[in-house]
Amino acid sequence: MLQSDYNKSEKVLSCAFDGHLDTNSCILINNELNANIDIIKSADETAALSETKIIFDMKGVSYIASSFIRICVSTARQLPKGHFSMINCDPFIKKTFIIAGLDELLKVN
């Protein structure tokens, strides 16, 4: 569901998702993602998230619930503009973000 890796030297948190991201799985994802963000914040209180980039790799994701969209927006708002991006999005999922008007905020590729 979620595999994450933080590259401390590059300050990049990579999160790889796969499968069906329904409401129930998003509860677990949100908890794990917030735990990762809290670890990053506590490791470097001076920079917090101002220098960190977060990448959501959507390879293999076949469905997203609105709760996943909420996770994406919430995560992006914690970072400076341009420090959140989504890669390897299925065309249907990418279209969902475009229709919602979130493709620019979330840098969906």
N, C-alpha and C. Protein backbone atom coordinates (compact mmCIF):
# COMPACT_ATOMS: atom_id res chain seq x y z
N MET A 1 0.82 -1.19 0.00
CA MET A 1 0.00 0.00 0.00
C MET A 1 0.87 1.26 0.00
N LEU A 2 1.71 1.45 1.04
CA LEU A 2 2.62 2.59 1.10
C LEU A 2 4.00 2.12 1.50
N GLN A 3 4.96 2.44 0.66
CA GLN A 3 6.36 2.22 1.00
C GLN A 3 7.04 3.58 0.92
N SER A 4 7.69 3.96 2.01
CA SER A 4 8.31 5.28 2.02
C SER A 4 9.80 5.16 2.30
N ASP A 5 10.52 6.15 1.79
CA ASP A 5 11.97 6.21 1.97
C ASP A 5 12.37 7.68 2.05
N TYR A 6 13.10 8.03 3.10
CA TYR A 6 13.56 9.41 3.25
C TYR A 6 15.05 9.47 2.98
N ASN A 7 15.44 10.26 1.99
CA ASN A 7 16.83 10.50 1.67
C ASN A 7 17.24 11.78 2.41
N LYS A 8 17.93 11.60 3.52
CA LYS A 8 18.27 12.73 4.39
C LYS A 8 19.19 13.73 3.71
N SER A 9 20.15 13.26 2.94
CA SER A 9 21.09 14.18 2.31
C SER A 9 20.42 15.03 1.23
N GLU A 10 19.45 14.48 0.53
CA GLU A 10 18.74 15.24 -0.51
C GLU A 10 17.44 15.85 0.01
N LYS A 11 17.04 15.48 1.23
CA LYS A 11 15.80 15.94 1.86
C LYS A 11 14.58 15.65 0.97
N VAL A 12 14.48 14.38 0.57
CA VAL A 12 13.38 13.93 -0.27
C VAL A 12 12.71 12.72 0.37
N LEU A 13 11.41 12.84 0.59
CA LEU A 13 10.61 11.72 1.08
C LEU A 13 9.87 11.15 -0.12
N SER A 14 10.21 9.92 -0.49
CA SER A 14 9.55 9.24 -1.60
C SER A 14 8.53 8.26 -1.02
N CYS A 15 7.32 8.35 -1.53
CA CYS A 15 6.24 7.48 -1.07
C CYS A 15 5.67 6.75 -2.28
N ALA A 16 5.81 5.43 -2.30
CA ALA A 16 5.30 4.62 -3.40
C ALA A 16 3.99 3.96 -2.97
N PHE A 17 2.98 4.12 -3.80
CA PHE A 17 1.67 3.56 -3.52
C PHE A 17 1.34 2.52 -4.59
N ASP A 18 0.48 1.58 -4.24
CA ASP A 18 -0.01 0.65 -5.24
C ASP A 18 -1.37 0.12 -4.83
N GLY A 19 -2.09 -0.35 -5.82
CA GLY A 19 -3.38 -0.96 -5.55
C GLY A 19 -4.54 0.00 -5.53
N HIS A 20 -5.51 -0.35 -4.74
CA HIS A 20 -6.80 0.32 -4.64
C HIS A 20 -6.78 1.20 -3.39
N LEU A 21 -6.69 2.51 -3.54
CA LEU A 21 -6.58 3.41 -2.40
C LEU A 21 -7.97 3.90 -1.99
N ASP A 22 -8.70 3.01 -1.33
CA ASP A 22 -10.04 3.35 -0.87
C ASP A 22 -9.98 4.06 0.47
N THR A 23 -11.13 4.40 1.01
CA THR A 23 -11.21 5.15 2.26
C THR A 23 -10.53 4.44 3.42
N ASN A 24 -10.75 3.15 3.54
CA ASN A 24 -10.13 2.40 4.65
C ASN A 24 -8.61 2.38 4.55
N SER A 25 -8.08 2.16 3.36
CA SER A 25 -6.62 2.14 3.22
C SER A 25 -6.03 3.53 3.42
N CYS A 26 -6.81 4.57 3.08
CA CYS A 26 -6.31 5.93 3.24
C CYS A 26 -6.15 6.32 4.71
N ILE A 27 -6.93 5.72 5.59
CA ILE A 27 -6.76 5.98 7.02
C ILE A 27 -5.37 5.52 7.46
N LEU A 28 -5.00 4.33 7.04
CA LEU A 28 -3.67 3.80 7.38
C LEU A 28 -2.57 4.61 6.71
N ILE A 29 -2.77 4.95 5.45
CA ILE A 29 -1.78 5.75 4.71
C ILE A 29 -1.57 7.09 5.40
N ASN A 30 -2.65 7.74 5.76
CA ASN A 30 -2.56 9.05 6.41
C ASN A 30 -1.77 8.97 7.72
N ASN A 31 -2.05 7.95 8.50
CA ASN A 31 -1.33 7.79 9.77
C ASN A 31 0.16 7.57 9.55
N GLU A 32 0.49 6.70 8.60
CA GLU A 32 1.90 6.41 8.33
C GLU A 32 2.61 7.62 7.74
N LEU A 33 1.96 8.32 6.83
CA LEU A 33 2.56 9.51 6.22
C LEU A 33 2.80 10.59 7.28
N ASN A 34 1.82 10.82 8.14
CA ASN A 34 1.99 11.82 9.19
C ASN A 34 3.11 11.44 10.15
N ALA A 35 3.26 10.16 10.44
CA ALA A 35 4.37 9.71 11.29
C ALA A 35 5.71 10.01 10.62
N ASN A 36 5.80 9.76 9.32
CA ASN A 36 7.04 10.07 8.59
C ASN A 36 7.34 11.56 8.61
N ILE A 37 6.32 12.38 8.41
CA ILE A 37 6.51 13.83 8.41
C ILE A 37 6.93 14.31 9.80
N ASP A 38 6.35 13.75 10.84
CA ASP A 38 6.72 14.12 12.20
C ASP A 38 8.19 13.77 12.48
N ILE A 39 8.65 12.64 11.98
CA ILE A 39 10.05 12.24 12.15
C ILE A 39 10.97 13.25 11.45
N ILE A 40 10.59 13.66 10.25
CA ILE A 40 11.40 14.64 9.51
C ILE A 40 11.44 15.96 10.27
N LYS A 41 10.29 16.40 10.77
CA LYS A 41 10.24 17.65 11.53
C LYS A 41 11.10 17.59 12.79
N SER A 42 11.04 16.49 13.50
CA SER A 42 11.80 16.39 14.74
C SER A 42 13.29 16.22 14.50
N ALA A 43 13.67 15.68 13.36
CA ALA A 43 15.09 15.48 13.06
C ALA A 43 15.80 16.79 12.77
N ASP A 44 15.09 17.74 12.20
CA ASP A 44 15.70 19.02 11.85
C ASP A 44 14.69 20.13 12.10
N GLU A 45 14.61 20.55 13.35
CA GLU A 45 13.61 21.55 13.73
C GLU A 45 13.83 22.90 13.06
N THR A 46 15.06 23.23 12.73
CA THR A 46 15.32 24.54 12.14
C THR A 46 14.75 24.64 10.73
N ALA A 47 14.90 23.59 9.95
CA ALA A 47 14.41 23.63 8.58
C ALA A 47 12.97 23.14 8.49
N ALA A 48 12.56 22.31 9.46
CA ALA A 48 11.23 21.67 9.43
C ALA A 48 10.99 21.08 8.04
N LEU A 49 9.97 21.52 7.38
CA LEU A 49 9.69 20.98 6.04
C LEU A 49 10.01 21.98 4.94
N SER A 50 10.63 23.09 5.28
CA SER A 50 10.85 24.14 4.29
C SER A 50 11.78 23.71 3.15
N GLU A 51 12.66 22.76 3.40
CA GLU A 51 13.59 22.31 2.37
C GLU A 51 13.26 20.92 1.85
N THR A 52 12.30 20.27 2.47
CA THR A 52 11.95 18.89 2.11
C THR A 52 11.05 18.84 0.89
N LYS A 53 11.29 17.85 0.06
CA LYS A 53 10.41 17.58 -1.08
C LYS A 53 9.76 16.22 -0.84
N ILE A 54 8.50 16.12 -1.21
CA ILE A 54 7.77 14.86 -1.07
C ILE A 54 7.27 14.45 -2.45
N ILE A 55 7.56 13.21 -2.80
CA ILE A 55 7.15 12.67 -4.10
C ILE A 55 6.25 11.47 -3.85
N PHE A 56 5.06 11.50 -4.44
CA PHE A 56 4.14 10.36 -4.40
C PHE A 56 4.27 9.63 -5.73
N ASP A 57 4.75 8.41 -5.69
CA ASP A 57 4.86 7.57 -6.89
C ASP A 57 3.59 6.72 -6.98
N MET A 58 2.80 6.96 -8.01
CA MET A 58 1.49 6.34 -8.14
C MET A 58 1.50 5.12 -9.06
N LYS A 59 2.68 4.62 -9.37
CA LYS A 59 2.76 3.45 -10.25
C LYS A 59 2.01 2.28 -9.62
N GLY A 60 1.10 1.71 -10.36
CA GLY A 60 0.34 0.56 -9.88
C GLY A 60 -0.95 0.92 -9.14
N VAL A 61 -1.24 2.21 -8.99
CA VAL A 61 -2.48 2.61 -8.32
C VAL A 61 -3.61 2.57 -9.35
N SER A 62 -4.64 1.82 -9.01
CA SER A 62 -5.75 1.65 -9.96
C SER A 62 -6.99 2.47 -9.59
N TYR A 63 -7.05 2.95 -8.35
CA TYR A 63 -8.23 3.69 -7.89
C TYR A 63 -7.83 4.57 -6.72
N ILE A 64 -8.41 5.79 -6.67
CA ILE A 64 -8.23 6.64 -5.51
C ILE A 64 -9.59 7.13 -5.02
N ALA A 65 -9.76 7.14 -3.73
CA ALA A 65 -10.97 7.70 -3.12
C ALA A 65 -10.72 9.19 -2.85
N SER A 66 -11.78 9.91 -2.57
CA SER A 66 -11.64 11.33 -2.28
C SER A 66 -10.77 11.56 -1.05
N SER A 67 -10.72 10.58 -0.16
CA SER A 67 -9.87 10.73 1.03
C SER A 67 -8.39 10.77 0.65
N PHE A 68 -8.01 10.11 -0.45
CA PHE A 68 -6.62 10.19 -0.90
C PHE A 68 -6.33 11.57 -1.46
N ILE A 69 -7.28 12.15 -2.16
CA ILE A 69 -7.11 13.52 -2.66
C ILE A 69 -6.89 14.47 -1.49
N ARG A 70 -7.63 14.27 -0.43
CA ARG A 70 -7.49 15.09 0.77
C ARG A 70 -6.08 14.93 1.36
N ILE A 71 -5.54 13.72 1.37
CA ILE A 71 -4.18 13.48 1.86
C ILE A 71 -3.17 14.25 1.00
N CYS A 72 -3.35 14.21 -0.30
CA CYS A 72 -2.44 14.91 -1.21
C CYS A 72 -2.45 16.41 -0.97
N VAL A 73 -3.64 16.99 -0.86
CA VAL A 73 -3.76 18.43 -0.65
C VAL A 73 -3.18 18.82 0.70
N SER A 74 -3.49 18.06 1.72
CA SER A 74 -2.98 18.34 3.06
C SER A 74 -1.45 18.29 3.10
N THR A 75 -0.88 17.29 2.44
CA THR A 75 0.58 17.15 2.40
C THR A 75 1.21 18.30 1.63
N ALA A 76 0.64 18.64 0.48
CA ALA A 76 1.19 19.72 -0.34
C ALA A 76 1.16 21.05 0.39
N ARG A 77 0.14 21.29 1.17
CA ARG A 77 0.01 22.57 1.89
C ARG A 77 1.03 22.72 3.02
N GLN A 78 1.64 21.63 3.45
CA GLN A 78 2.66 21.70 4.50
C GLN A 78 4.02 22.09 3.95
N LEU A 79 4.13 22.09 2.63
CA LEU A 79 5.42 22.31 1.96
C LEU A 79 5.41 23.60 1.17
N PRO A 80 6.59 24.15 0.89
CA PRO A 80 6.65 25.30 -0.02
C PRO A 80 6.14 24.90 -1.40
N LYS A 81 5.65 25.88 -2.13
CA LYS A 81 5.14 25.63 -3.48
C LYS A 81 6.21 24.95 -4.33
N GLY A 82 5.81 23.89 -5.02
CA GLY A 82 6.71 23.17 -5.89
C GLY A 82 7.48 22.04 -5.23
N HIS A 83 7.29 21.84 -3.94
CA HIS A 83 8.02 20.78 -3.23
C HIS A 83 7.23 19.49 -3.09
N PHE A 84 6.03 19.44 -3.64
CA PHE A 84 5.22 18.23 -3.65
C PHE A 84 4.94 17.87 -5.10
N SER A 85 5.10 16.59 -5.43
CA SER A 85 4.76 16.16 -6.79
C SER A 85 4.28 14.72 -6.78
N MET A 86 3.57 14.38 -7.84
CA MET A 86 3.07 13.03 -8.04
C MET A 86 3.59 12.55 -9.38
N ILE A 87 4.14 11.34 -9.40
CA ILE A 87 4.68 10.79 -10.64
C ILE A 87 4.02 9.46 -10.96
N ASN A 88 4.14 9.06 -12.20
CA ASN A 88 3.63 7.77 -12.70
C ASN A 88 2.13 7.60 -12.47
N CYS A 89 1.37 8.67 -12.67
CA CYS A 89 -0.08 8.60 -12.49
C CYS A 89 -0.75 7.93 -13.69
N ASP A 90 -1.68 7.07 -13.40
CA ASP A 90 -2.55 6.50 -14.43
C ASP A 90 -3.31 7.67 -15.08
N PRO A 91 -3.52 7.64 -16.40
CA PRO A 91 -4.22 8.75 -17.06
C PRO A 91 -5.59 9.07 -16.46
N PHE A 92 -6.32 8.07 -16.04
CA PHE A 92 -7.63 8.30 -15.43
C PHE A 92 -7.50 9.04 -14.10
N ILE A 93 -6.51 8.65 -13.30
CA ILE A 93 -6.29 9.31 -12.02
C ILE A 93 -5.79 10.73 -12.24
N LYS A 94 -4.91 10.91 -13.20
CA LYS A 94 -4.42 12.26 -13.52
C LYS A 94 -5.58 13.15 -13.94
N LYS A 95 -6.49 12.61 -14.73
CA LYS A 95 -7.65 13.37 -15.18
C LYS A 95 -8.52 13.78 -14.00
N THR A 96 -8.62 12.93 -12.99
CA THR A 96 -9.39 13.25 -11.79
C THR A 96 -8.82 14.50 -11.11
N PHE A 97 -7.50 14.58 -11.01
CA PHE A 97 -6.87 15.76 -10.40
C PHE A 97 -7.04 17.00 -11.28
N ILE A 98 -7.01 16.81 -12.60
CA ILE A 98 -7.20 17.94 -13.51
C ILE A 98 -8.62 18.48 -13.39
N ILE A 99 -9.60 17.59 -13.37
CA ILE A 99 -11.00 18.01 -13.25
C ILE A 99 -11.23 18.74 -11.93
N ALA A 100 -10.58 18.27 -10.88
CA ALA A 100 -10.72 18.92 -9.57
C ALA A 100 -9.95 20.24 -9.48
N GLY A 101 -9.14 20.53 -10.51
CA GLY A 101 -8.36 21.77 -10.52
C GLY A 101 -7.15 21.72 -9.61
N LEU A 102 -6.66 20.52 -9.32
CA LEU A 102 -5.54 20.36 -8.39
C LEU A 102 -4.24 19.97 -9.05
N ASP A 103 -4.23 19.83 -10.36
CA ASP A 103 -3.03 19.36 -11.05
C ASP A 103 -1.85 20.31 -10.93
N GLU A 104 -2.12 21.60 -10.84
CA GLU A 104 -1.03 22.58 -10.69
C GLU A 104 -0.49 22.60 -9.26
N LEU A 105 -1.38 22.60 -8.29
CA LEU A 105 -0.96 22.59 -6.89
C LEU A 105 -0.16 21.35 -6.56
N LEU A 106 -0.57 20.22 -7.12
CA LEU A 106 0.04 18.96 -6.77
C LEU A 106 1.12 18.48 -7.75
N LYS A 107 1.36 19.23 -8.81
CA LYS A 107 2.34 18.86 -9.83
C LYS A 107 2.17 17.38 -10.22
N VAL A 108 1.05 17.08 -10.86
CA VAL A 108 0.72 15.72 -11.24
C VAL A 108 1.35 15.40 -12.59
N ASN A 109 2.15 14.31 -12.61
CA ASN A 109 2.79 13.86 -13.86
C ASN A 109 2.45 12.41 -14.11
